[in-house]
Amino acid sequence: MTDAAPKMNPSPMRVLICEDEPLARETLRDFIGLRPELQLVGEAGDGRQALQMANALAPELVFMDIQMPDMTGLDVVRRLQHRPAIVFTTAYDQHAVTAFELNAADYLLKPFSQDRFDQSVNRVLAVAALQAPDEHDGLAAALAAPGAALPLERILVRDRGRIFPLTVAEIEYLKSDSKYTLLAARGQHYFVRVPLNDMAPRLNPERFLRVHRNAIVNLDFVESMKPDEQSQLEIHMRDGTRLLANREASRLLRDRAL
């Protein structure tokens, strides 16, 4: 009886660091070295070099600083010839929320810990595991695709001149207007330049429900619901906000009721 061929381990994911701060670059290098699933293929210290190396090396994962000399990380991503998974790094940069619009897999807020780094890497690897063995092609597409991307876990918001990460589970409801999306959380309202239609596919459908074209509610923060004269449900949120669900959402909410 012939022994079965040994199962080959998947090839490591090729990683590029694009970071102009030596200390942050060293931290990323050290953390990558602790992950056998990752293979560091290069380091870039400014935006122009980052674009050249990313196009030449075709990495599958890029850690991209947002604010770099010559060209921002956001501009680099917009000019890439292929679509690797992108994890943005930022130190309270004012353009950080744009990372979401570019279908970033995640972002790291500097200074970041090894645990936070590992969370980000595990997120990318979880999507890579859905691909064929030894293939990382299509990883970025999988991260960006509305049906395949993992639910959004956090987003950067601005408040009184500072930027901080807001856990998506804390968001009570989202409302949109012509330019911004309002996030209600922690008793405050935060505005981001991300259309509600872009955010909706990245929200966990077990927790969030779109109740009409311009509003999504977190069911964990619904106080009560009451039908109006047209049998549409008026949703009372814990903070006192009232939102009217359209007919389709009202039907879905009734179906969820015990």
Protein backbone atom coordinates (compact mmCIF):
# COMPACT_ATOMS: atom_id res chain seq x y z
CA MET A 1 0.00 0.00 0.00
CA THR A 2 1.46 3.31 -1.06
CA ASP A 3 1.56 6.08 1.50
CA ALA A 4 -0.53 9.10 0.65
CA ALA A 5 1.38 12.12 -0.55
CA PRO A 6 2.02 14.63 2.22
CA LYS A 7 -0.33 17.57 2.25
CA MET A 8 1.50 20.69 1.15
CA ASN A 9 1.13 23.87 3.15
CA PRO A 10 -0.27 26.84 1.21
CA SER A 11 2.35 29.25 -0.01
CA PRO A 12 2.80 32.31 2.22
CA MET A 13 0.90 35.45 1.33
CA ARG A 14 3.25 37.99 -0.26
CA VAL A 15 3.29 41.24 1.75
CA LEU A 16 4.56 44.74 0.99
CA ILE A 17 5.10 47.44 3.62
CA CYS A 18 4.53 51.04 2.51
CA GLU A 19 5.42 53.24 5.47
CA ASP A 20 7.59 56.35 5.81
CA GLU A 21 8.08 56.16 9.60
CA PRO A 22 11.09 53.92 10.43
CA LEU A 23 9.67 52.82 13.78
CA ALA A 24 6.29 51.86 12.32
CA ARG A 25 8.04 50.07 9.44
CA GLU A 26 10.18 48.14 11.92
CA THR A 27 7.11 47.20 13.96
CA LEU A 28 5.31 45.89 10.89
CA ARG A 29 8.44 43.98 9.83
CA ASP A 30 8.71 42.33 13.25
CA PHE A 31 5.03 41.41 13.42
CA ILE A 32 5.08 39.99 9.88
CA GLY A 33 8.11 37.90 10.81
CA LEU A 34 6.08 36.24 13.56
CA ARG A 35 3.45 35.06 11.08
CA PRO A 36 4.55 32.07 8.95
CA GLU A 37 1.54 32.65 6.70
CA LEU A 38 3.12 35.92 5.53
CA GLN A 39 6.20 36.57 3.40
CA LEU A 40 7.64 40.09 3.34
CA VAL A 41 8.70 40.92 -0.22
CA GLY A 42 9.60 44.59 0.09
CA GLU A 43 9.42 47.91 1.91
CA ALA A 44 8.71 51.37 0.52
CA GLY A 45 9.39 54.64 2.32
CA ASP A 46 7.38 57.11 0.23
CA GLY A 47 4.32 57.16 -2.00
CA ARG A 48 6.10 57.11 -5.33
CA GLN A 49 8.28 54.17 -4.33
CA ALA A 50 5.21 52.43 -2.91
CA LEU A 51 3.41 52.66 -6.25
CA GLN A 52 6.43 51.41 -8.19
CA MET A 53 7.07 48.47 -5.86
CA ALA A 54 3.42 47.47 -5.59
CA ASN A 55 3.06 47.37 -9.37
CA ALA A 56 6.38 45.55 -9.85
CA LEU A 57 6.07 42.98 -7.05
CA ALA A 58 2.30 42.38 -7.23
CA PRO A 59 1.92 41.57 -3.52
CA GLU A 60 -1.27 40.00 -2.24
CA LEU A 61 -1.38 42.15 0.91
CA VAL A 62 -0.13 45.70 1.40
CA PHE A 63 0.21 47.59 4.66
CA MET A 64 -0.24 51.15 3.40
CA ASP A 65 0.45 54.30 5.39
CA ILE A 66 -2.04 57.01 4.48
CA GLN A 67 0.22 60.02 4.88
CA MET A 68 3.54 59.63 3.02
CA PRO A 69 5.89 61.96 1.11
CA ASP A 70 5.36 62.46 -2.64
CA MET A 71 1.97 60.70 -2.73
CA THR A 72 -0.59 59.69 -0.13
CA GLY A 73 -1.41 56.05 0.43
CA LEU A 74 -4.94 56.76 -0.79
CA ASP A 75 -3.56 58.05 -4.10
CA VAL A 76 -1.28 55.02 -4.38
CA VAL A 77 -4.20 52.62 -4.00
CA ARG A 78 -6.20 54.49 -6.64
CA ARG A 79 -3.33 54.04 -9.14
CA LEU A 80 -2.48 50.40 -8.54
CA GLN A 81 -2.47 48.16 -11.61
CA HIS A 82 -3.82 45.20 -9.62
CA ARG A 83 -5.95 44.88 -6.48
CA PRO A 84 -4.16 43.44 -3.45
CA ALA A 85 -5.82 43.37 -0.06
CA ILE A 86 -5.09 46.73 1.60
CA VAL A 87 -4.65 47.38 5.30
CA PHE A 88 -4.24 51.11 5.85
CA THR A 89 -2.14 52.45 8.72
CA THR A 90 -2.78 55.92 10.08
CA ALA A 91 -1.95 58.22 12.97
CA TYR A 92 -5.18 60.23 13.17
CA ASP A 93 -4.95 61.37 9.58
CA GLN A 94 -7.85 63.55 8.46
CA HIS A 95 -8.38 61.45 5.32
CA ALA A 96 -8.52 58.13 7.16
CA VAL A 97 -12.25 57.56 6.68
CA THR A 98 -11.68 57.45 2.92
CA ALA A 99 -10.05 54.06 3.48
CA PHE A 100 -13.52 52.59 3.73
CA GLU A 101 -14.48 53.99 0.33
CA LEU A 102 -11.48 52.19 -1.21
CA ASN A 103 -12.68 48.81 0.09
CA ALA A 104 -9.84 48.48 2.55
CA ALA A 105 -9.70 45.11 4.30
CA ASP A 106 -8.95 46.93 7.56
CA TYR A 107 -6.84 49.72 9.04
CA LEU A 108 -4.40 49.98 11.91
CA LEU A 109 -4.45 53.06 14.09
CA LYS A 110 -0.88 53.92 15.11
CA PRO A 111 0.57 53.00 17.50
CA PHE A 112 -0.95 49.52 17.18
CA SER A 113 -0.34 46.39 19.23
CA GLN A 114 0.55 42.92 18.02
CA ASP A 115 -2.95 41.75 18.96
CA ARG A 116 -4.52 44.42 16.77
CA PHE A 117 -2.12 43.54 13.95
CA ASP A 118 -3.04 39.85 14.30
CA GLN A 119 -6.75 40.70 14.16
CA SER A 120 -6.20 42.49 10.88
CA VAL A 121 -4.11 39.68 9.40
CA ASN A 122 -6.61 37.05 10.53
CA ARG A 123 -9.36 39.02 8.81
CA VAL A 124 -7.48 38.94 5.51
CA LEU A 125 -6.51 35.27 5.89
CA ALA A 126 -10.12 34.31 6.63
CA VAL A 127 -11.14 35.61 3.22
CA ALA A 128 -8.07 34.04 1.57
CA ALA A 129 -9.13 30.67 2.98
CA LEU A 130 -12.22 30.85 0.77
CA GLN A 131 -10.00 30.89 -2.30
CA ALA A 132 -8.48 27.81 -3.95
CA PRO A 133 -5.39 26.38 -2.19
CA ASP A 134 -2.16 28.19 -3.04
CA GLU A 135 -4.13 30.91 -4.77
CA HIS A 136 -4.51 34.44 -3.45
CA ASP A 137 -5.74 35.86 -6.76
CA GLY A 138 -9.12 37.41 -6.26
CA LEU A 139 -8.54 38.09 -2.58
CA ALA A 140 -9.09 41.83 -2.89
CA ALA A 141 -12.19 41.22 -4.97
CA ALA A 142 -13.51 38.89 -2.31
CA LEU A 143 -12.85 41.48 0.38
CA ALA A 144 -14.60 44.15 -1.66
CA ALA A 145 -17.53 42.11 -2.97
CA PRO A 146 -20.75 42.97 -1.13
CA GLY A 147 -21.75 39.35 -0.62
CA ALA A 148 -18.36 37.95 0.30
CA ALA A 149 -16.72 40.59 2.46
CA LEU A 150 -16.62 40.03 6.17
CA PRO A 151 -18.87 42.39 8.15
CA LEU A 152 -17.38 45.76 8.97
CA GLU A 153 -16.14 45.81 12.57
CA ARG A 154 -15.03 49.41 13.09
CA ILE A 155 -14.82 52.73 11.28
CA LEU A 156 -12.91 55.92 11.97
CA VAL A 157 -15.05 58.93 12.88
CA ARG A 158 -14.26 62.57 13.63
CA ASP A 159 -15.34 64.42 16.75
CA ARG A 160 -14.15 67.85 17.93
CA GLY A 161 -10.91 67.77 16.00
CA ARG A 162 -9.94 64.19 16.78
CA ILE A 163 -10.34 60.91 14.93
CA PHE A 164 -11.02 57.66 16.74
CA PRO A 165 -12.24 54.15 15.93
CA LEU A 166 -15.94 53.48 16.51
CA THR A 167 -16.99 49.86 16.93
CA VAL A 168 -19.81 49.18 14.47
CA ALA A 169 -21.77 47.23 17.12
CA GLU A 170 -22.09 50.54 19.03
CA ILE A 171 -23.91 52.23 16.15
CA GLU A 172 -27.61 52.54 17.01
CA TYR A 173 -28.81 53.68 13.59
CA LEU A 174 -27.53 55.23 10.37
CA LYS A 175 -29.24 57.96 8.33
CA SER A 176 -28.13 59.47 5.05
CA ASP A 177 -28.51 62.78 3.30
CA SER A 178 -27.16 64.02 -0.01
CA LYS A 179 -23.53 64.15 1.10
CA TYR A 180 -22.98 62.43 4.47
CA THR A 181 -24.08 59.42 6.49
CA LEU A 182 -25.01 60.11 10.11
CA LEU A 183 -23.97 57.50 12.67
CA ALA A 184 -25.79 57.62 16.01
CA ALA A 185 -23.72 56.06 18.80
CA ARG A 186 -22.68 56.73 22.41
CA GLY A 187 -25.30 59.46 22.66
CA GLN A 188 -23.58 61.39 19.85
CA HIS A 189 -23.99 61.93 16.11
CA TYR A 190 -20.98 61.39 13.85
CA PHE A 191 -20.84 62.17 10.12
CA VAL A 192 -18.79 60.27 7.54
CA ARG A 193 -18.36 60.85 3.82
CA VAL A 194 -19.42 57.32 2.91
CA PRO A 195 -22.76 56.74 1.15
CA LEU A 196 -25.26 54.58 3.00
CA ASN A 197 -25.46 52.30 -0.05
CA ASP A 198 -21.74 51.56 0.27
CA MET A 199 -21.95 50.84 3.98
CA ALA A 200 -25.06 48.66 3.89
CA PRO A 201 -23.44 45.52 2.37
CA ARG A 202 -20.68 45.59 5.02
CA LEU A 203 -23.06 45.62 8.00
CA ASN A 204 -23.98 42.40 9.77
CA PRO A 205 -27.50 41.50 8.54
CA GLU A 206 -28.21 39.65 11.79
CA ARG A 207 -27.95 42.97 13.65
CA PHE A 208 -28.69 45.72 11.12
CA LEU A 209 -31.84 46.17 9.04
CA ARG A 210 -32.52 48.77 6.38
CA VAL A 211 -35.91 50.15 7.32
CA HIS A 212 -36.19 52.54 4.39
CA ARG A 213 -34.03 54.06 1.68
CA ASN A 214 -32.30 56.54 3.97
CA ALA A 215 -32.07 54.66 7.27
CA ILE A 216 -30.62 51.49 8.80
CA VAL A 217 -31.27 50.46 12.41
CA ASN A 218 -29.33 48.30 14.81
CA LEU A 219 -32.00 45.96 16.20
CA ASP A 220 -30.11 45.76 19.50
CA PHE A 221 -31.09 49.39 20.15
CA VAL A 222 -34.78 49.21 19.21
CA GLU A 223 -36.98 50.04 22.20
CA SER A 224 -40.33 49.15 20.63
CA MET A 225 -42.33 49.13 17.41
CA LYS A 226 -45.89 50.28 16.78
CA PRO A 227 -47.96 50.04 13.57
CA ASP A 228 -49.40 53.23 12.09
CA GLU A 229 -52.67 53.64 10.21
CA GLN A 230 -51.13 52.09 7.08
CA SER A 231 -49.78 49.13 9.10
CA GLN A 232 -46.21 50.35 8.68
CA LEU A 233 -44.15 50.02 11.82
CA GLU A 234 -42.97 53.10 13.66
CA ILE A 235 -39.66 52.19 15.30
CA HIS A 236 -38.84 53.75 18.65
CA MET A 237 -35.09 53.77 19.32
CA ARG A 238 -33.67 53.83 22.84
CA ASP A 239 -32.44 57.41 22.41
CA GLY A 240 -35.98 58.59 21.63
CA THR A 241 -35.57 58.74 17.85
CA ARG A 242 -38.55 57.51 15.84
CA LEU A 243 -38.12 56.01 12.37
CA LEU A 244 -40.85 54.78 10.06
CA ALA A 245 -40.15 51.43 8.39
CA ASN A 246 -41.32 50.96 4.82
CA ARG A 247 -43.71 48.14 3.94
CA GLU A 248 -40.99 45.61 3.10
CA ALA A 249 -39.03 46.29 6.27
CA SER A 250 -42.23 46.19 8.33
CA ARG A 251 -43.01 42.77 6.89
CA LEU A 252 -39.52 41.51 7.71
CA LEU A 253 -39.77 42.80 11.26
CA ARG A 254 -43.13 41.11 11.75
CA ASP A 255 -41.66 37.87 10.42
CA ARG A 256 -38.87 38.08 13.01
CA ALA A 257 -41.33 38.49 15.86
CA LEU A 258 -41.98 35.39 17.97
